[in-house]
PDB file of N, CA and C in Angstrom:
ATOM      1  N   MET A   1      -5.547  62.959  18.898  1.00  0.00           N
ATOM      2  CA  MET A   1      -4.354  62.306  18.262  1.00  0.00           C
ATOM      3  C   MET A   1      -4.541  60.840  18.526  1.00  0.00           C
ATOM      4  N   THR A   2      -4.574  59.924  17.528  1.00  0.00           N
ATOM      5  CA  THR A   2      -4.875  58.558  17.770  1.00  0.00           C
ATOM      6  C   THR A   2      -3.413  58.001  17.290  1.00  0.00           C
ATOM      7  N   LYS A   3      -2.998  56.843  18.189  1.00  0.00           N
ATOM      8  CA  LYS A   3      -1.814  56.069  17.823  1.00  0.00           C
ATOM      9  C   LYS A   3      -2.382  54.807  17.639  1.00  0.00           C
ATOM     10  N   ASP A   4      -1.480  54.253  16.495  1.00  0.00           N
ATOM     11  CA  ASP A   4      -1.912  52.820  16.132  1.00  0.00           C
ATOM     12  C   ASP A   4      -1.205  52.106  17.137  1.00  0.00           C
ATOM     13  N   LEU A   5      -1.963  50.922  17.740  1.00  0.00           N
ATOM     14  CA  LEU A   5      -1.257  50.161  18.454  1.00  0.00           C
ATOM     15  C   LEU A   5      -0.499  48.821  17.845  1.00  0.00           C
ATOM     16  N   ILE A   6       0.560  48.818  18.008  1.00  0.00           N
ATOM     17  CA  ILE A   6       1.581  47.956  17.229  1.00  0.00           C
ATOM     18  C   ILE A   6       1.995  46.681  18.405  1.00  0.00           C
ATOM     19  N   GLU A   7       1.429  45.472  18.045  1.00  0.00           N
ATOM     20  CA  GLU A   7       1.980  44.440  18.796  1.00  0.00           C
ATOM     21  C   GLU A   7       2.974  43.520  18.332  1.00  0.00           C
ATOM     22  N   LYS A   8       3.954  43.040  18.967  1.00  0.00           N
ATOM     23  CA  LYS A   8       4.738  42.120  18.540  1.00  0.00           C
ATOM     24  C   LYS A   8       4.608  41.031  19.286  1.00  0.00           C
ATOM     25  N   GLU A   9       4.557  39.809  18.691  1.00  0.00           N
ATOM     26  CA  GLU A   9       4.545  38.249  19.310  1.00  0.00           C
ATOM     27  C   GLU A   9       5.608  37.534  18.665  1.00  0.00           C
ATOM     28  N   GLU A  10       6.272  36.949  19.612  1.00  0.00           N
ATOM     29  CA  GLU A  10       7.430  35.986  19.039  1.00  0.00           C
ATOM     30  C   GLU A  10       6.740  34.547  19.410  1.00  0.00           C
ATOM     31  N   ILE A  11       6.946  33.878  18.319  1.00  0.00           N
ATOM     32  CA  ILE A  11       6.653  32.435  18.444  1.00  0.00           C
ATOM     33  C   ILE A  11       7.695  31.516  18.433  1.00  0.00           C
ATOM     34  N   HIS A  12       7.897  30.719  19.606  1.00  0.00           N
ATOM     35  CA  HIS A  12       9.024  29.860  19.730  1.00  0.00           C
ATOM     36  C   HIS A  12       8.507  28.434  19.347  1.00  0.00           C
ATOM     37  N   HIS A  13       9.224  27.970  18.161  1.00  0.00           N
ATOM     38  CA  HIS A  13       9.031  26.476  17.807  1.00  0.00           C
ATOM     39  C   HIS A  13      10.062  25.672  18.485  1.00  0.00           C
ATOM     40  N   GLU A  14       9.334  24.687  19.325  1.00  0.00           N
ATOM     41  CA  GLU A  14      10.176  23.704  19.928  1.00  0.00           C
ATOM     42  C   GLU A  14      10.495  22.674  18.855  1.00  0.00           C
ATOM     43  N   ALA A  15      11.730  21.947  18.984  1.00  0.00           N
ATOM     44  CA  ALA A  15      11.984  20.872  18.143  1.00  0.00           C
ATOM     45  C   ALA A  15      11.165  19.616  18.676  1.00  0.00           C
ATOM     46  N   GLU A  16      10.709  18.839  17.602  1.00  0.00           N
ATOM     47  CA  GLU A  16      10.003  17.581  17.869  1.00  0.00           C
ATOM     48  C   GLU A  16      10.737  16.607  18.530  1.00  0.00           C
ATOM     49  N   ARG A  17      10.348  16.025  19.551  1.00  0.00           N
ATOM     50  CA  ARG A  17      11.115  15.196  20.439  1.00  0.00           C
ATOM     51  C   ARG A  17      10.271  13.741  20.287  1.00  0.00           C
ATOM     52  N   GLY A  18      10.925  12.783  20.275  1.00  0.00           N
ATOM     53  CA  GLY A  18      10.534  11.336  20.254  1.00  0.00           C
ATOM     54  C   GLY A  18      10.155  10.813  18.921  1.00  0.00           C
ATOM     55  N   LYS A  19      10.149  11.649  18.132  1.00  0.00           N
ATOM     56  CA  LYS A  19       9.485  11.241  16.584  1.00  0.00           C
ATOM     57  C   LYS A  19      10.592  10.267  16.123  1.00  0.00           C
ATOM     58  N   GLY A  20       9.949   9.057  15.664  1.00  0.00           N
ATOM     59  CA  GLY A  20      10.612   7.877  15.239  1.00  0.00           C
ATOM     60  C   GLY A  20      11.211   7.022  16.215  1.00  0.00           C
ATOM     61  N   ALA A  21      11.094   7.443  17.506  1.00  0.00           N
ATOM     62  CA  ALA A  21      11.549   6.635  18.621  1.00  0.00           C
ATOM     63  C   ALA A  21      10.848   5.094  18.519  1.00  0.00           C
ATOM     64  N   VAL A  22       9.498   5.120  18.316  1.00  0.00           N
ATOM     65  CA  VAL A  22       8.774   3.837  18.269  1.00  0.00           C
ATOM     66  C   VAL A  22       8.203   3.839  17.006  1.00  0.00           C
ATOM     67  N   GLU A  23       8.349   2.606  16.245  1.00  0.00           N
ATOM     68  CA  GLU A  23       7.825   2.412  14.877  1.00  0.00           C
ATOM     69  C   GLU A  23       6.240   2.220  14.982  1.00  0.00           C
ATOM     70  N   ASP A  24       5.867   1.413  15.885  1.00  0.00           N
ATOM     71  CA  ASP A  24       4.472   0.846  16.039  1.00  0.00           C
ATOM     72  C   ASP A  24       3.651   2.036  16.577  1.00  0.00           C
ATOM     73  N   LYS A  25       2.444   2.100  16.077  1.00  0.00           N
ATOM     74  CA  LYS A  25       1.388   3.014  16.651  1.00  0.00           C
ATOM     75  C   LYS A  25       1.023   2.438  18.137  1.00  0.00           C
ATOM     76  N   ASN A  26       1.096   1.231  18.384  1.00  0.00           N
ATOM     77  CA  ASN A  26       0.552   0.826  19.489  1.00  0.00           C
ATOM     78  C   ASN A  26       1.676  -0.127  20.158  1.00  0.00           C
ATOM     79  N   VAL A  27       2.149   0.705  21.358  1.00  0.00           N
ATOM     80  CA  VAL A  27       3.376  -0.013  21.918  1.00  0.00           C
ATOM     81  C   VAL A  27       2.953  -1.374  22.778  1.00  0.00           C
ATOM     82  N   TYR A  28       1.702  -1.635  23.092  1.00  0.00           N
ATOM     83  CA  TYR A  28       1.332  -2.638  23.703  1.00  0.00           C
ATOM     84  C   TYR A  28       1.022  -3.880  22.870  1.00  0.00           C
ATOM     85  N   ALA A  29       1.294  -3.776  21.589  1.00  0.00           N
ATOM     86  CA  ALA A  29       0.968  -4.907  20.768  1.00  0.00           C
ATOM     87  C   ALA A  29       2.249  -5.809  20.707  1.00  0.00           C
ATOM     88  N   THR A  30       2.168  -6.751  21.534  1.00  0.00           N
ATOM     89  CA  THR A  30       3.322  -7.776  21.892  1.00  0.00           C
ATOM     90  C   THR A  30       3.014  -9.090  21.371  1.00  0.00           C
ATOM     91  N   TYR A  31       1.579  -9.490  21.233  1.00  0.00           N
ATOM     92  CA  TYR A  31       1.215 -10.786  21.061  1.00  0.00           C
ATOM     93  C   TYR A  31       1.250 -11.034  19.573  1.00  0.00           C
ATOM     94  N   PRO A  32       2.107 -12.326  19.242  1.00  0.00           N
ATOM     95  CA  PRO A  32       2.348 -12.633  17.906  1.00  0.00           C
ATOM     96  C   PRO A  32       1.104 -12.996  17.046  1.00  0.00           C
ATOM     97  N   HIS A  33       0.642 -12.266  16.231  1.00  0.00           N
ATOM     98  CA  HIS A  33      -0.639 -12.589  15.372  1.00  0.00           C
ATOM     99  C   HIS A  33      -0.643 -11.835  14.195  1.00  0.00           C
ATOM    100  N   LYS A  34      -0.791 -12.534  12.983  1.00  0.00           N
ATOM    101  CA  LYS A  34      -0.724 -11.766  11.675  1.00  0.00           C
ATOM    102  C   LYS A  34      -2.028 -11.203  11.366  1.00  0.00           C
ATOM    103  N   CYS A  35      -2.010  -9.867  11.186  1.00  0.00           N
ATOM    104  CA  CYS A  35      -3.187  -9.097  10.909  1.00  0.00           C
ATOM    105  C   CYS A  35      -3.736  -9.428   9.501  1.00  0.00           C
ATOM    106  N   GLU A  36      -5.172  -9.562   9.406  1.00  0.00           N
ATOM    107  CA  GLU A  36      -5.848  -9.960   8.100  1.00  0.00           C
ATOM    108  C   GLU A  36      -5.921  -8.861   7.135  1.00  0.00           C
ATOM    109  N   LYS A  37      -5.638  -7.565   7.769  1.00  0.00           N
ATOM    110  CA  LYS A  37      -5.807  -6.455   6.844  1.00  0.00           C
ATOM    111  C   LYS A  37      -4.722  -6.028   6.299  1.00  0.00           C
ATOM    112  N   CYS A  38      -3.655  -5.712   7.119  1.00  0.00           N
ATOM    113  CA  CYS A  38      -2.266  -5.261   6.646  1.00  0.00           C
ATOM    114  C   CYS A  38      -1.162  -6.227   6.672  1.00  0.00           C
ATOM    115  N   GLY A  39      -1.198  -7.397   7.366  1.00  0.00           N
ATOM    116  CA  GLY A  39      -0.256  -8.462   7.438  1.00  0.00           C
ATOM    117  C   GLY A  39       0.837  -8.141   8.569  1.00  0.00           C
ATOM    118  N   TYR A  40       0.580  -7.310   9.409  1.00  0.00           N
ATOM    119  CA  TYR A  40       1.610  -6.821  10.421  1.00  0.00           C
ATOM    120  C   TYR A  40       1.488  -8.095  11.516  1.00  0.00           C
ATOM    121  N   GLY A  41       2.692  -8.369  12.119  1.00  0.00           N
ATOM    122  CA  GLY A  41       2.670  -9.526  12.908  1.00  0.00           C
ATOM    123  C   GLY A  41       2.639  -9.408  14.336  1.00  0.00           C
ATOM    124  N   LYS A  42       2.112  -8.488  14.888  1.00  0.00           N
ATOM    125  CA  LYS A  42       1.966  -8.026  16.253  1.00  0.00           C
ATOM    126  C   LYS A  42       0.570  -7.483  16.579  1.00  0.00           C
ATOM    127  N   ALA A  43       0.045  -7.842  17.795  1.00  0.00           N
ATOM    128  CA  ALA A  43      -1.412  -7.557  18.127  1.00  0.00           C
ATOM    129  C   ALA A  43      -1.390  -7.197  19.680  1.00  0.00           C
ATOM    130  N   GLU A  44      -2.226  -6.364  20.106  1.00  0.00           N
ATOM    131  CA  GLU A  44      -2.557  -6.066  21.434  1.00  0.00           C
ATOM    132  C   GLU A  44      -3.808  -6.854  21.862  1.00  0.00           C
ATOM    133  N   ILE A  45      -3.955  -7.558  23.001  1.00  0.00           N
ATOM    134  CA  ILE A  45      -5.089  -8.264  23.319  1.00  0.00           C
ATOM    135  C   ILE A  45      -5.987  -7.182  24.104  1.00  0.00           C
ATOM    136  N   VAL A  46      -7.203  -7.103  23.751  1.00  0.00           N
ATOM    137  CA  VAL A  46      -8.083  -6.151  24.378  1.00  0.00           C
ATOM    138  C   VAL A  46      -9.236  -6.910  24.835  1.00  0.00           C
ATOM    139  N   ASP A  47      -9.557  -6.839  26.111  1.00  0.00           N
ATOM    140  CA  ASP A  47     -10.605  -7.471  26.807  1.00  0.00           C
ATOM    141  C   ASP A  47     -11.785  -6.418  26.836  1.00  0.00           C
ATOM    142  N   GLU A  48     -12.817  -6.715  26.209  1.00  0.00           N
ATOM    143  CA  GLU A  48     -13.966  -5.796  26.148  1.00  0.00           C
ATOM    144  C   GLU A  48     -14.987  -6.059  27.245  1.00  0.00           C
ATOM    145  N   GLY A  49     -14.824  -7.306  27.988  1.00  0.00           N
ATOM    146  CA  GLY A  49     -15.668  -7.689  29.225  1.00  0.00           C
ATOM    147  C   GLY A  49     -16.842  -8.328  28.712  1.00  0.00           C
ATOM    148  N   VAL A  50     -17.598  -8.512  29.671  1.00  0.00           N
ATOM    149  CA  VAL A  50     -19.045  -9.164  29.609  1.00  0.00           C
ATOM    150  C   VAL A  50     -20.053  -8.020  29.465  1.00  0.00           C
ATOM    151  N   LYS A  51     -20.850  -8.192  28.526  1.00  0.00           N
ATOM    152  CA  LYS A  51     -22.074  -7.240  28.406  1.00  0.00           C
ATOM    153  C   LYS A  51     -23.326  -7.775  29.121  1.00  0.00           C
ATOM    154  N   TYR A  52     -23.453  -8.946  28.913  1.00  0.00           N
ATOM    155  CA  TYR A  52     -24.550  -9.746  29.621  1.00  0.00           C
ATOM    156  C   TYR A  52     -24.067 -11.029  30.419  1.00  0.00           C
ATOM    157  N   THR A  53     -24.882 -11.392  31.450  1.00  0.00           N
ATOM    158  CA  THR A  53     -24.220 -12.358  32.324  1.00  0.00           C
ATOM    159  C   THR A  53     -24.389 -13.730  31.695  1.00  0.00           C
ATOM    160  N   ASP A  54     -25.170 -13.910  30.882  1.00  0.00           N
ATOM    161  CA  ASP A  54     -25.166 -15.316  30.143  1.00  0.00           C
ATOM    162  C   ASP A  54     -24.252 -15.513  29.013  1.00  0.00           C
ATOM    163  N   GLU A  55     -23.442 -14.335  28.764  1.00  0.00           N
ATOM    164  CA  GLU A  55     -22.630 -14.396  27.653  1.00  0.00           C
ATOM    165  C   GLU A  55     -20.929 -14.488  27.871  1.00  0.00           C
ATOM    166  N   ALA A  56     -20.167 -14.971  27.012  1.00  0.00           N
ATOM    167  CA  ALA A  56     -18.694 -14.830  27.407  1.00  0.00           C
ATOM    168  C   ALA A  56     -18.127 -13.547  27.185  1.00  0.00           C
ATOM    169  N   GLY A  57     -17.125 -13.256  27.805  1.00  0.00           N
ATOM    170  CA  GLY A  57     -16.638 -11.744  27.363  1.00  0.00           C
ATOM    171  C   GLY A  57     -15.955 -11.610  26.008  1.00  0.00           C
ATOM    172  N   VAL A  58     -15.919 -10.470  25.468  1.00  0.00           N
ATOM    173  CA  VAL A  58     -15.434 -10.269  24.169  1.00  0.00           C
ATOM    174  C   VAL A  58     -13.874  -9.823  24.170  1.00  0.00           C
ATOM    175  N   ILE A  59     -13.205 -10.678  23.507  1.00  0.00           N
ATOM    176  CA  ILE A  59     -11.646 -10.484  23.246  1.00  0.00           C
ATOM    177  C   ILE A  59     -11.318 -10.256  21.998  1.00  0.00           C
ATOM    178  N   LEU A  60     -10.585  -9.038  21.794  1.00  0.00           N
ATOM    179  CA  LEU A  60     -10.232  -8.735  20.470  1.00  0.00           C
ATOM    180  C   LEU A  60      -8.634  -8.551  20.357  1.00  0.00           C
ATOM    181  N   LEU A  61      -8.069  -8.787  19.266  1.00  0.00           N
ATOM    182  CA  LEU A  61      -6.703  -8.506  18.908  1.00  0.00           C
ATOM    183  C   LEU A  61      -6.563  -7.514  17.912  1.00  0.00           C
ATOM    184  N   GLU A  62      -6.094  -6.433  18.558  1.00  0.00           N
ATOM    185  CA  GLU A  62      -6.051  -5.244  17.799  1.00  0.00           C
ATOM    186  C   GLU A  62      -4.559  -4.914  17.328  1.00  0.00           C
ATOM    187  N   CYS A  63      -4.515  -4.915  15.913  1.00  0.00           N
ATOM    188  CA  CYS A  63      -3.281  -4.817  15.162  1.00  0.00           C
ATOM    189  C   CYS A  63      -2.491  -3.667  15.540  1.00  0.00           C
ATOM    190  N   GLY A  64      -1.045  -3.725  15.799  1.00  0.00           N
ATOM    191  CA  GLY A  64      -0.345  -2.793  16.199  1.00  0.00           C
ATOM    192  C   GLY A  64       0.093  -1.699  15.373  1.00  0.00           C
ATOM    193  N   LYS A  65      -0.272  -1.987  14.007  1.00  0.00           N
ATOM    194  CA  LYS A  65       0.081  -0.967  12.982  1.00  0.00           C
ATOM    195  C   LYS A  65      -1.134  -0.347  12.592  1.00  0.00           C
ATOM    196  N   CYS A  66      -2.141  -1.040  12.080  1.00  0.00           N
ATOM    197  CA  CYS A  66      -3.331  -0.223  11.532  1.00  0.00           C
ATOM    198  C   CYS A  66      -4.477  -0.169  12.386  1.00  0.00           C
ATOM    199  N   GLY A  67      -4.457  -0.961  13.658  1.00  0.00           N
ATOM    200  CA  GLY A  67      -5.509  -0.819  14.472  1.00  0.00           C
ATOM    201  C   GLY A  67      -6.894  -1.680  14.230  1.00  0.00           C
ATOM    202  N   TRP A  68      -6.559  -2.501  13.205  1.00  0.00           N
ATOM    203  CA  TRP A  68      -7.850  -3.359  12.898  1.00  0.00           C
ATOM    204  C   TRP A  68      -8.109  -4.521  13.880  1.00  0.00           C
ATOM    205  N   GLY A  69      -9.211  -4.588  14.434  1.00  0.00           N
ATOM    206  CA  GLY A  69      -9.666  -5.448  15.472  1.00  0.00           C
ATOM    207  C   GLY A  69     -10.210  -6.684  14.939  1.00  0.00           C
ATOM    208  N   GLU A  70      -9.691  -7.964  15.559  1.00  0.00           N
ATOM    209  CA  GLU A  70     -10.317  -9.118  15.191  1.00  0.00           C
ATOM    210  C   GLU A  70     -10.664  -9.917  16.407  1.00  0.00           C
ATOM    211  N   ARG A  71     -11.927 -10.319  16.446  1.00  0.00           N
ATOM    212  CA  ARG A  71     -12.591 -11.022  17.553  1.00  0.00           C
ATOM    213  C   ARG A  71     -11.976 -12.431  17.676  1.00  0.00           C
ATOM    214  N   VAL A  72     -11.805 -12.816  18.736  1.00  0.00           N
ATOM    215  CA  VAL A  72     -11.250 -14.271  19.346  1.00  0.00           C
ATOM    216  C   VAL A  72     -12.520 -14.995  19.642  1.00  0.00           C
ATOM    217  N   ASN A  73     -12.545 -15.881  19.031  1.00  0.00           N
ATOM    218  CA  ASN A  73     -14.119 -16.751  19.322  1.00  0.00           C
ATOM    219  C   ASN A  73     -13.705 -17.611  20.386  1.00  0.00           C
ATOM    220  N   HIS A  74     -14.790 -17.781  21.436  1.00  0.00           N
ATOM    221  CA  HIS A  74     -14.851 -18.739  22.341  1.00  0.00           C
ATOM    222  C   HIS A  74     -15.505 -19.923  22.096  1.00  0.00           C
ATOM    223  N   LYS A  75     -15.016 -21.174  22.316  1.00  0.00           N
ATOM    224  CA  LYS A  75     -15.629 -22.308  22.056  1.00  0.00           C
ATOM    225  C   LYS A  75     -16.061 -22.893  23.557  1.00  0.00           C
ATOM    226  N   THR A  76     -17.366 -23.121  23.458  1.00  0.00           N
ATOM    227  CA  THR A  76     -18.037 -23.776  24.742  1.00  0.00           C
ATOM    228  C   THR A  76     -18.368 -25.156  24.457  1.00  0.00           C
ATOM    229  N   SER A  77     -18.405 -25.980  25.456  1.00  0.00           N
ATOM    230  CA  SER A  77     -18.715 -27.324  25.231  1.00  0.00           C
ATOM    231  C   SER A  77     -19.973 -27.605  26.098  1.00  0.00           C
TER     232      SER A  77
END
C-alpha cells in the first residue's frame, strides 16, 4: 500500500521596511554638482587612486541619482 506524501509549507511575507526613507540611491552624494546626464544636483566624490607613479590620482564625481561618473581634471603647472 502506497501513501502519497503531502507536504504543507507556509510562506510568511514580511512587510517591506525602510522603503521610501531615502530618495537618493547614493546617500553619500553630498557634494553640490549638477549631473550632465540627468541634471541632479548632488554627487559623491570617488577617489580611484593612482594607477602609475608618474600620474595623478583619478577623482570622479558620481551622481547620487543615476550613478553617472564624471572625471575631475587635474591641472599641473
